[in-house]
N, C-alpha and C. Protein backbone atom coordinates (compact mmCIF):
# COMPACT_ATOMS: atom_id res chain seq x y z
N UNK A 1 -0.08 -13.80 -15.77
CA UNK A 1 0.59 -12.53 -15.96
C UNK A 1 0.11 -11.50 -14.94
N UNK A 2 -1.19 -11.44 -14.69
CA UNK A 2 -1.72 -10.46 -13.74
C UNK A 2 -1.18 -10.71 -12.34
N UNK A 3 -1.01 -11.96 -11.98
CA UNK A 3 -0.47 -12.28 -10.66
C UNK A 3 0.96 -11.80 -10.54
N UNK A 4 1.69 -11.86 -11.63
CA UNK A 4 3.08 -11.39 -11.63
C UNK A 4 3.12 -9.88 -11.35
N UNK A 5 2.19 -9.14 -11.90
CA UNK A 5 2.14 -7.70 -11.64
C UNK A 5 1.82 -7.42 -10.18
N UNK A 6 0.91 -8.16 -9.61
CA UNK A 6 0.57 -8.00 -8.19
C UNK A 6 1.80 -8.27 -7.32
N UNK A 7 2.50 -9.36 -7.60
CA UNK A 7 3.70 -9.69 -6.83
C UNK A 7 4.79 -8.64 -7.01
N UNK A 8 4.94 -8.14 -8.21
CA UNK A 8 5.89 -7.07 -8.48
C UNK A 8 5.53 -5.82 -7.67
N UNK A 9 4.27 -5.52 -7.60
CA UNK A 9 3.79 -4.37 -6.83
C UNK A 9 4.18 -4.50 -5.36
N UNK A 10 3.98 -5.68 -4.79
CA UNK A 10 4.36 -5.89 -3.39
C UNK A 10 5.86 -5.73 -3.20
N UNK A 11 6.63 -6.22 -4.14
CA UNK A 11 8.08 -6.08 -4.05
C UNK A 11 8.48 -4.61 -4.05
N UNK A 12 7.88 -3.84 -4.92
CA UNK A 12 8.18 -2.40 -4.99
C UNK A 12 7.80 -1.72 -3.68
N UNK A 13 6.63 -2.03 -3.16
CA UNK A 13 6.19 -1.41 -1.91
C UNK A 13 7.14 -1.74 -0.76
N UNK A 14 7.59 -2.97 -0.70
CA UNK A 14 8.53 -3.35 0.35
C UNK A 14 9.85 -2.59 0.21
N UNK A 15 10.31 -2.43 -1.02
CA UNK A 15 11.60 -1.77 -1.25
C UNK A 15 11.58 -0.27 -0.97
N UNK A 16 10.43 0.36 -1.16
CA UNK A 16 10.35 1.81 -0.93
C UNK A 16 9.78 2.17 0.44
N UNK A 17 9.57 1.19 1.29
CA UNK A 17 8.97 1.45 2.59
C UNK A 17 9.85 2.27 3.52
N UNK A 18 11.11 2.48 3.15
CA UNK A 18 12.00 3.31 3.95
C UNK A 18 11.63 4.79 3.85
N UNK A 19 10.93 5.17 2.78
CA UNK A 19 10.54 6.56 2.54
C UNK A 19 9.01 6.66 2.52
N UNK A 20 8.42 7.22 3.57
CA UNK A 20 6.94 7.25 3.65
C UNK A 20 6.27 7.94 2.47
N UNK A 21 6.84 9.04 1.99
CA UNK A 21 6.23 9.76 0.87
C UNK A 21 6.26 8.91 -0.41
N UNK A 22 7.37 8.29 -0.67
CA UNK A 22 7.49 7.43 -1.85
C UNK A 22 6.58 6.21 -1.71
N UNK A 23 6.50 5.65 -0.52
CA UNK A 23 5.60 4.51 -0.28
C UNK A 23 4.16 4.91 -0.56
N UNK A 24 3.77 6.09 -0.10
CA UNK A 24 2.41 6.57 -0.33
C UNK A 24 2.12 6.69 -1.82
N UNK A 25 3.06 7.26 -2.56
CA UNK A 25 2.86 7.41 -4.01
C UNK A 25 2.75 6.06 -4.71
N UNK A 26 3.62 5.14 -4.34
CA UNK A 26 3.59 3.82 -4.97
C UNK A 26 2.32 3.05 -4.58
N UNK A 27 1.87 3.24 -3.35
CA UNK A 27 0.64 2.58 -2.91
C UNK A 27 -0.56 3.10 -3.69
N UNK A 28 -0.62 4.40 -3.89
CA UNK A 28 -1.72 4.97 -4.67
C UNK A 28 -1.67 4.48 -6.12
N UNK A 29 -0.48 4.44 -6.68
CA UNK A 29 -0.32 3.97 -8.06
C UNK A 29 -0.74 2.50 -8.17
N UNK A 30 -0.32 1.71 -7.20
CA UNK A 30 -0.67 0.29 -7.21
C UNK A 30 -2.18 0.11 -7.11
N UNK A 31 -2.80 0.86 -6.21
CA UNK A 31 -4.24 0.73 -6.01
C UNK A 31 -5.01 1.06 -7.28
N UNK A 32 -4.53 2.04 -8.03
CA UNK A 32 -5.20 2.42 -9.28
C UNK A 32 -4.99 1.37 -10.37
N UNK A 33 -3.88 0.65 -10.32
CA UNK A 33 -3.51 -0.28 -11.39
C UNK A 33 -4.06 -1.69 -11.21
N UNK A 34 -4.39 -2.04 -9.98
CA UNK A 34 -4.79 -3.42 -9.70
C UNK A 34 -6.27 -3.66 -9.97
N UNK A 35 -6.59 -4.91 -10.19
CA UNK A 35 -7.98 -5.33 -10.36
C UNK A 35 -8.68 -5.32 -8.99
N UNK A 36 -10.00 -5.28 -8.97
CA UNK A 36 -10.72 -5.22 -7.69
C UNK A 36 -10.35 -6.34 -6.70
N UNK A 37 -10.22 -7.57 -7.16
CA UNK A 37 -9.87 -8.64 -6.22
C UNK A 37 -8.42 -8.50 -5.74
N UNK A 38 -7.56 -7.92 -6.57
CA UNK A 38 -6.19 -7.68 -6.15
C UNK A 38 -6.12 -6.53 -5.15
N UNK A 39 -7.01 -5.56 -5.29
CA UNK A 39 -7.07 -4.47 -4.31
C UNK A 39 -7.43 -5.01 -2.93
N UNK A 40 -8.36 -5.96 -2.91
CA UNK A 40 -8.74 -6.58 -1.64
C UNK A 40 -7.54 -7.30 -1.02
N UNK A 41 -6.78 -8.00 -1.85
CA UNK A 41 -5.58 -8.68 -1.36
C UNK A 41 -4.54 -7.67 -0.88
N UNK A 42 -4.44 -6.55 -1.58
CA UNK A 42 -3.50 -5.51 -1.20
C UNK A 42 -3.85 -4.95 0.18
N UNK A 43 -5.12 -4.77 0.44
CA UNK A 43 -5.56 -4.28 1.75
C UNK A 43 -5.13 -5.24 2.86
N UNK A 44 -5.31 -6.52 2.63
CA UNK A 44 -4.92 -7.53 3.62
C UNK A 44 -3.40 -7.52 3.81
N UNK A 45 -2.67 -7.47 2.71
CA UNK A 45 -1.22 -7.43 2.79
C UNK A 45 -0.76 -6.18 3.56
N UNK A 46 -1.38 -5.05 3.26
CA UNK A 46 -1.00 -3.80 3.90
C UNK A 46 -1.24 -3.83 5.40
N UNK A 47 -2.36 -4.41 5.80
CA UNK A 47 -2.65 -4.53 7.24
C UNK A 47 -1.54 -5.30 7.94
N UNK A 48 -1.11 -6.40 7.35
CA UNK A 48 -0.05 -7.20 7.93
C UNK A 48 1.30 -6.47 7.88
N UNK A 49 1.57 -5.82 6.79
CA UNK A 49 2.84 -5.12 6.61
C UNK A 49 2.99 -3.97 7.60
N UNK A 50 1.91 -3.23 7.83
CA UNK A 50 1.98 -2.07 8.71
C UNK A 50 2.09 -2.43 10.19
N UNK A 51 1.83 -3.67 10.53
CA UNK A 51 2.05 -4.11 11.91
C UNK A 51 3.51 -3.92 12.29
N UNK A 52 4.40 -4.17 11.34
CA UNK A 52 5.83 -4.07 11.59
C UNK A 52 6.39 -2.69 11.25
N UNK A 53 5.56 -1.82 10.75
CA UNK A 53 5.99 -0.46 10.37
C UNK A 53 5.01 0.57 10.94
N UNK A 54 4.91 0.69 12.25
CA UNK A 54 3.92 1.61 12.83
C UNK A 54 4.14 3.06 12.44
N UNK A 55 5.39 3.48 12.23
CA UNK A 55 5.64 4.87 11.83
C UNK A 55 5.10 5.14 10.43
N UNK A 56 5.16 4.14 9.58
CA UNK A 56 4.63 4.27 8.23
C UNK A 56 3.10 4.35 8.27
N UNK A 57 2.49 3.54 9.10
CA UNK A 57 1.04 3.57 9.25
C UNK A 57 0.59 4.93 9.74
N UNK A 58 1.28 5.47 10.73
CA UNK A 58 0.94 6.78 11.28
C UNK A 58 1.08 7.85 10.20
N UNK A 59 2.13 7.80 9.42
CA UNK A 59 2.32 8.76 8.35
C UNK A 59 1.17 8.69 7.35
N UNK A 60 0.79 7.49 6.95
CA UNK A 60 -0.29 7.34 5.97
C UNK A 60 -1.61 7.84 6.52
N UNK A 61 -1.85 7.63 7.79
CA UNK A 61 -3.09 8.09 8.39
C UNK A 61 -3.15 9.61 8.47
N UNK A 62 -2.01 10.25 8.61
CA UNK A 62 -1.96 11.70 8.76
C UNK A 62 -1.71 12.43 7.45
N UNK A 63 -1.39 11.71 6.39
CA UNK A 63 -1.03 12.33 5.12
C UNK A 63 -2.21 13.08 4.52
N UNK A 64 -1.94 14.30 4.10
CA UNK A 64 -2.94 15.09 3.38
C UNK A 64 -3.03 14.61 1.94
N UNK A 65 -4.21 14.71 1.40
CA UNK A 65 -4.46 14.35 0.00
C UNK A 65 -4.02 12.93 -0.32
N UNK A 66 -4.28 12.04 0.59
CA UNK A 66 -3.97 10.62 0.35
C UNK A 66 -5.24 9.94 -0.10
N UNK A 67 -5.27 9.53 -1.35
CA UNK A 67 -6.46 8.89 -1.92
C UNK A 67 -6.71 7.50 -1.36
N UNK A 68 -5.73 6.93 -0.73
CA UNK A 68 -5.85 5.55 -0.27
C UNK A 68 -6.32 5.40 1.17
N UNK A 69 -7.01 6.39 1.70
CA UNK A 69 -7.47 6.28 3.09
C UNK A 69 -8.30 5.04 3.32
N UNK A 70 -9.09 4.68 2.33
CA UNK A 70 -9.90 3.47 2.48
C UNK A 70 -9.04 2.20 2.51
N UNK A 71 -7.81 2.31 1.99
CA UNK A 71 -6.92 1.16 2.00
C UNK A 71 -6.48 0.85 3.42
N UNK A 72 -6.14 1.90 4.18
CA UNK A 72 -5.59 1.68 5.52
C UNK A 72 -6.63 1.83 6.62
N UNK A 73 -7.84 2.20 6.28
CA UNK A 73 -8.87 2.44 7.29
C UNK A 73 -9.11 1.21 8.17
N UNK A 74 -9.04 0.04 7.59
CA UNK A 74 -9.33 -1.17 8.36
C UNK A 74 -8.10 -1.74 9.05
N UNK A 75 -6.94 -1.16 8.80
CA UNK A 75 -5.72 -1.72 9.40
C UNK A 75 -5.45 -1.16 10.78
């Protein structure tokens, strides 16, 4: 069941990636909801995902009050 939630989270993030603000909110929500090992997997997924979305990566890096800076710091 927990794996299903992680996969659902990735699906949601992919679907909202057209809107940087919405993506940021969903990413923060996902990071708060996931287990520690799933957070690590999310970081890896995000690094790969942002390779194809450089404008999204730039937005996240510049976003004020973004709690997930540690998520994208290594990407």
